[in-house]
N, C-alpha and C. Protein backbone atom coordinates (compact mmCIF):
# COMPACT_ATOMS: atom_id res chain seq x y z
N UNK A 1 -125.64 -111.06 -79.48
CA UNK A 1 -126.07 -112.05 -78.41
C UNK A 1 -124.82 -112.89 -78.25
N UNK A 2 -125.00 -113.60 -77.09
CA UNK A 2 -123.90 -114.56 -76.88
C UNK A 2 -124.30 -115.86 -76.00
N UNK A 3 -123.68 -116.91 -75.91
CA UNK A 3 -123.99 -117.98 -75.45
C UNK A 3 -124.46 -117.66 -74.18
N UNK A 4 -125.71 -118.49 -73.79
CA UNK A 4 -126.12 -118.19 -72.34
C UNK A 4 -127.29 -117.45 -72.52
N UNK A 5 -127.47 -116.61 -73.56
CA UNK A 5 -128.75 -115.54 -73.54
C UNK A 5 -130.01 -116.20 -73.89
N UNK A 6 -130.89 -115.76 -73.39
CA UNK A 6 -132.38 -116.33 -73.65
C UNK A 6 -133.02 -115.64 -74.81
N UNK A 7 -133.26 -116.21 -75.94
CA UNK A 7 -133.66 -115.61 -77.42
C UNK A 7 -134.82 -116.24 -77.65
N UNK A 8 -135.43 -115.62 -78.73
CA UNK A 8 -136.91 -116.05 -79.23
C UNK A 8 -136.65 -116.05 -80.80
N UNK A 9 -137.03 -117.18 -81.36
CA UNK A 9 -137.00 -117.27 -82.89
C UNK A 9 -138.40 -116.62 -83.33
N UNK A 10 -138.12 -115.32 -84.05
CA UNK A 10 -139.43 -114.51 -84.14
C UNK A 10 -140.50 -115.27 -84.97
N UNK A 11 -140.14 -115.85 -86.05
CA UNK A 11 -141.39 -116.36 -86.56
C UNK A 11 -142.30 -117.45 -86.11
N UNK A 12 -141.76 -118.06 -85.14
CA UNK A 12 -142.68 -119.17 -84.36
C UNK A 12 -142.88 -118.76 -82.96
N UNK A 13 -142.13 -117.75 -82.46
CA UNK A 13 -141.89 -117.31 -80.87
C UNK A 13 -141.33 -118.48 -79.94
N UNK A 14 -140.63 -119.45 -80.68
CA UNK A 14 -139.92 -120.29 -79.71
C UNK A 14 -138.81 -119.62 -79.05
N UNK A 15 -138.84 -119.97 -77.79
CA UNK A 15 -137.90 -119.36 -76.94
C UNK A 15 -136.80 -120.56 -76.48
N UNK A 16 -135.62 -120.09 -76.34
CA UNK A 16 -134.73 -121.06 -75.85
C UNK A 16 -133.22 -120.19 -75.40
N UNK A 17 -132.53 -121.19 -74.94
CA UNK A 17 -131.08 -120.45 -74.37
C UNK A 17 -130.13 -120.96 -75.44
N UNK A 18 -129.32 -119.90 -75.81
CA UNK A 18 -128.35 -120.01 -76.73
C UNK A 18 -127.02 -120.83 -76.27
N UNK A 19 -126.99 -122.25 -76.96
CA UNK A 19 -125.86 -122.86 -76.49
C UNK A 19 -124.58 -122.75 -77.48
N UNK A 20 -124.77 -122.23 -78.50
CA UNK A 20 -123.66 -122.28 -79.52
C UNK A 20 -123.83 -121.26 -80.41
N UNK A 21 -122.73 -120.63 -81.11
CA UNK A 21 -122.83 -119.66 -82.25
C UNK A 21 -121.97 -120.05 -83.40
N UNK A 22 -122.53 -120.00 -84.37
CA UNK A 22 -121.46 -120.48 -85.58
C UNK A 22 -121.83 -119.41 -86.64
N UNK A 23 -120.75 -119.11 -87.41
CA UNK A 23 -120.50 -118.23 -88.36
C UNK A 23 -120.32 -119.37 -89.56
N UNK A 24 -121.36 -119.17 -90.72
CA UNK A 24 -121.14 -120.15 -91.80
C UNK A 24 -121.71 -119.38 -93.11
N UNK A 25 -121.28 -119.25 -94.21
CA UNK A 25 -121.78 -118.73 -95.32
C UNK A 25 -121.88 -117.22 -95.15
N UNK A 26 -121.28 -116.46 -94.64
CA UNK A 26 -121.22 -114.96 -94.11
C UNK A 26 -122.65 -114.74 -93.23
N UNK A 27 -123.11 -115.82 -92.59
CA UNK A 27 -124.34 -115.71 -91.65
C UNK A 27 -124.15 -116.07 -90.16
N UNK A 28 -124.68 -115.65 -89.17
CA UNK A 28 -124.51 -116.07 -87.89
C UNK A 28 -125.66 -117.03 -87.66
N UNK A 29 -125.39 -117.93 -86.91
CA UNK A 29 -126.58 -118.97 -86.46
C UNK A 29 -126.38 -119.23 -84.88
N UNK A 30 -127.58 -119.28 -84.36
CA UNK A 30 -127.64 -119.57 -82.92
C UNK A 30 -128.41 -120.89 -82.74
N UNK A 31 -127.82 -121.65 -81.77
CA UNK A 31 -128.30 -123.06 -81.51
C UNK A 31 -129.24 -122.95 -80.30
N UNK A 32 -130.34 -123.35 -80.28
CA UNK A 32 -131.21 -123.25 -79.00
C UNK A 32 -131.05 -124.55 -78.21
N UNK A 33 -131.07 -124.49 -76.94
CA UNK A 33 -130.79 -125.74 -76.13
C UNK A 33 -131.92 -126.77 -76.35
N UNK A 34 -133.40 -126.30 -76.16
CA UNK A 34 -134.44 -127.12 -76.15
C UNK A 34 -134.79 -127.69 -77.63
N UNK A 35 -134.15 -127.36 -78.64
CA UNK A 35 -134.67 -128.10 -79.64
C UNK A 35 -133.35 -128.62 -80.55
N UNK A 36 -132.09 -128.08 -80.12
CA UNK A 36 -130.90 -128.61 -80.97
C UNK A 36 -130.90 -127.98 -82.17
N UNK A 37 -131.52 -127.29 -82.67
CA UNK A 37 -131.58 -126.39 -84.04
C UNK A 37 -130.87 -125.23 -83.98
N UNK A 38 -130.13 -124.72 -85.03
CA UNK A 38 -129.72 -123.51 -85.40
C UNK A 38 -130.68 -122.71 -86.06
N UNK A 39 -130.74 -121.30 -85.68
CA UNK A 39 -131.63 -120.40 -86.25
C UNK A 39 -130.74 -119.14 -86.67
N UNK A 40 -130.98 -118.67 -87.93
CA UNK A 40 -130.46 -117.58 -88.36
C UNK A 40 -130.42 -116.34 -87.56
N UNK A 41 -129.48 -115.53 -87.33
CA UNK A 41 -129.66 -114.58 -86.16
C UNK A 41 -130.24 -113.13 -86.79
N UNK A 42 -130.66 -113.24 -87.90
CA UNK A 42 -131.45 -112.07 -88.37
C UNK A 42 -132.75 -112.73 -88.15
N UNK A 43 -133.30 -113.56 -87.68
CA UNK A 43 -134.58 -114.34 -87.23
C UNK A 43 -134.65 -114.50 -85.61
N UNK A 44 -133.64 -113.94 -84.77
CA UNK A 44 -133.69 -114.22 -83.44
C UNK A 44 -133.51 -112.90 -82.83
N UNK A 45 -134.50 -112.62 -81.74
CA UNK A 45 -134.37 -111.63 -80.86
C UNK A 45 -134.22 -111.84 -79.35
N UNK A 46 -133.63 -110.97 -78.69
CA UNK A 46 -133.68 -111.36 -77.12
C UNK A 46 -135.01 -111.60 -76.64
N UNK A 47 -135.09 -112.37 -75.73
CA UNK A 47 -136.29 -112.54 -75.10
C UNK A 47 -136.04 -112.54 -73.64
N UNK A 48 -137.35 -112.19 -72.95
CA UNK A 48 -137.38 -112.18 -71.58
C UNK A 48 -137.26 -113.42 -70.86
N UNK A 49 -136.36 -113.48 -69.73
CA UNK A 49 -136.14 -114.85 -69.20
C UNK A 49 -137.29 -115.53 -68.62
N UNK A 50 -138.45 -114.90 -68.24
CA UNK A 50 -139.74 -115.33 -68.08
C UNK A 50 -140.42 -116.12 -68.98
N UNK A 51 -140.04 -116.07 -70.12
CA UNK A 51 -140.42 -116.75 -71.17
C UNK A 51 -139.94 -118.31 -71.45
N UNK A 52 -138.96 -118.19 -70.88
CA UNK A 52 -137.80 -119.44 -70.94
C UNK A 52 -138.27 -120.71 -70.00
N UNK A 53 -138.51 -121.97 -70.72
CA UNK A 53 -138.76 -123.13 -69.92
C UNK A 53 -137.73 -124.25 -70.18
N UNK A 54 -136.89 -124.37 -69.42
CA UNK A 54 -135.84 -125.35 -69.58
C UNK A 54 -136.13 -126.86 -69.87
N UNK A 55 -136.66 -127.41 -70.98
CA UNK A 55 -136.95 -128.46 -71.25
C UNK A 55 -136.47 -129.26 -72.44
N UNK A 56 -135.62 -130.04 -72.35
CA UNK A 56 -134.77 -130.73 -73.23
C UNK A 56 -135.77 -131.39 -74.28
N UNK A 57 -135.15 -131.39 -75.48
CA UNK A 57 -135.68 -132.07 -76.76
C UNK A 57 -136.23 -133.61 -76.33
N UNK A 58 -135.49 -134.38 -75.55
CA UNK A 58 -135.80 -135.63 -75.22
C UNK A 58 -136.97 -135.50 -74.29
N UNK A 59 -137.00 -134.70 -73.40
CA UNK A 59 -138.08 -134.62 -72.35
C UNK A 59 -139.44 -134.38 -73.03
N UNK A 60 -139.25 -133.48 -73.90
CA UNK A 60 -140.47 -132.88 -74.86
C UNK A 60 -140.93 -133.90 -75.71
N UNK A 61 -140.25 -134.75 -76.29
CA UNK A 61 -140.58 -135.90 -77.11
C UNK A 61 -141.18 -136.87 -76.15
N UNK A 62 -140.65 -137.25 -75.09
CA UNK A 62 -141.43 -138.25 -74.05
C UNK A 62 -142.63 -137.77 -73.57
N UNK A 63 -142.96 -136.50 -73.34
CA UNK A 63 -144.14 -135.74 -73.17
C UNK A 63 -145.11 -136.23 -74.13
N UNK A 64 -144.83 -135.70 -75.34
CA UNK A 64 -145.50 -135.92 -76.62
C UNK A 64 -146.07 -137.40 -76.77
N UNK A 65 -145.23 -138.34 -76.52
CA UNK A 65 -145.44 -139.71 -76.73
C UNK A 65 -146.05 -140.27 -75.69
N UNK A 66 -146.32 -139.72 -74.49
CA UNK A 66 -147.19 -140.16 -73.36
C UNK A 66 -148.38 -140.21 -73.65
N UNK A 67 -149.09 -139.49 -74.51
CA UNK A 67 -150.42 -139.79 -74.74
C UNK A 67 -150.87 -140.77 -75.80
N UNK A 68 -149.66 -141.25 -76.52
CA UNK A 68 -149.98 -142.08 -77.73
C UNK A 68 -149.78 -143.59 -77.32
N UNK A 69 -150.50 -144.28 -77.92
CA UNK A 69 -150.42 -146.00 -77.67
C UNK A 69 -149.15 -146.38 -78.79
N UNK A 70 -148.80 -147.34 -78.29
CA UNK A 70 -147.85 -148.29 -79.20
C UNK A 70 -148.50 -149.06 -80.22
N UNK A 71 -147.90 -149.55 -81.28
CA UNK A 71 -148.53 -150.35 -82.23
C UNK A 71 -148.90 -151.62 -81.39
N UNK A 72 -148.27 -152.15 -80.46
CA UNK A 72 -148.54 -153.34 -80.05
C UNK A 72 -149.71 -153.25 -78.90
N UNK A 73 -150.06 -152.02 -78.37
CA UNK A 73 -150.94 -151.74 -77.65
C UNK A 73 -152.32 -151.88 -78.51
N UNK A 74 -152.28 -151.20 -79.88
CA UNK A 74 -153.31 -151.01 -80.57
C UNK A 74 -153.70 -152.34 -81.25
N UNK A 75 -152.63 -153.25 -81.64
CA UNK A 75 -152.89 -154.80 -81.94
C UNK A 75 -153.42 -155.53 -80.88
N UNK A 76 -153.08 -155.18 -79.67
CA UNK A 76 -153.86 -156.26 -78.63
C UNK A 76 -155.32 -155.66 -78.49
N UNK A 77 -155.48 -154.29 -78.51
CA UNK A 77 -156.89 -153.89 -78.29
C UNK A 77 -157.72 -154.18 -79.63
N UNK A 78 -157.27 -154.51 -80.75
CA UNK A 78 -157.87 -154.96 -82.00
C UNK A 78 -158.31 -156.46 -81.62
N UNK A 79 -157.50 -157.30 -81.15
CA UNK A 79 -157.69 -158.71 -81.06
C UNK A 79 -158.59 -158.71 -79.78
N UNK A 80 -158.71 -157.83 -78.85
CA UNK A 80 -159.63 -158.18 -77.72
C UNK A 80 -161.14 -157.45 -78.07
N UNK A 81 -161.25 -156.79 -79.30
CA UNK A 81 -162.39 -156.32 -79.39
C UNK A 81 -163.54 -157.36 -79.81
N UNK A 82 -164.61 -157.40 -79.39
CA UNK A 82 -165.74 -158.40 -79.70
C UNK A 82 -166.82 -157.53 -80.52
N UNK A 83 -166.75 -157.81 -82.00
CA UNK A 83 -167.49 -157.26 -82.74
C UNK A 83 -169.08 -157.32 -82.41
N UNK A 84 -169.44 -158.41 -81.75
CA UNK A 84 -170.90 -158.76 -81.63
C UNK A 84 -171.28 -157.71 -80.77
N UNK A 85 -170.59 -156.89 -79.78
CA UNK A 85 -170.93 -155.89 -79.00
C UNK A 85 -171.17 -154.69 -79.92
N UNK A 86 -170.72 -154.53 -81.01
CA UNK A 86 -171.11 -153.31 -81.78
C UNK A 86 -172.00 -153.55 -82.94
N UNK A 87 -172.65 -154.69 -83.01
CA UNK A 87 -173.38 -154.86 -84.33
C UNK A 87 -174.93 -154.85 -83.42
N UNK A 88 -176.08 -154.34 -84.33
CA UNK A 88 -177.37 -154.16 -83.84
C UNK A 88 -177.94 -155.68 -83.77
N UNK A 89 -178.69 -155.79 -82.99
CA UNK A 89 -179.47 -157.04 -83.02
C UNK A 89 -180.61 -157.02 -83.17
N UNK A 90 -181.33 -158.15 -83.34
CA UNK A 90 -182.55 -158.37 -84.09
C UNK A 90 -182.57 -158.29 -85.81
N UNK A 91 -183.79 -158.64 -86.24
CA UNK A 91 -184.08 -158.97 -87.56
C UNK A 91 -184.40 -157.57 -88.45
N UNK A 92 -184.30 -157.75 -89.59
CA UNK A 92 -184.57 -156.26 -90.32
C UNK A 92 -185.25 -156.43 -91.40
């Protein structure tokens, strides 16, 4: 394989474009564009281009974080909660 090829990391089926190739410790490593990680050549296979989606690591992280609330938001919600609304009324 060479730079620019679309490849798949077999154990997880992660698909990416090869952006760098390194030889280290007698092994070949391929770097994927969308994770920035290197994968051992013996675990990477050629993938069909239709499987590839060009999403950067930064974009992926921002999408993952979009549904999460910040600590400040959670603290604000905690201050705004009126516990009387959650307690049963009446005697027991």
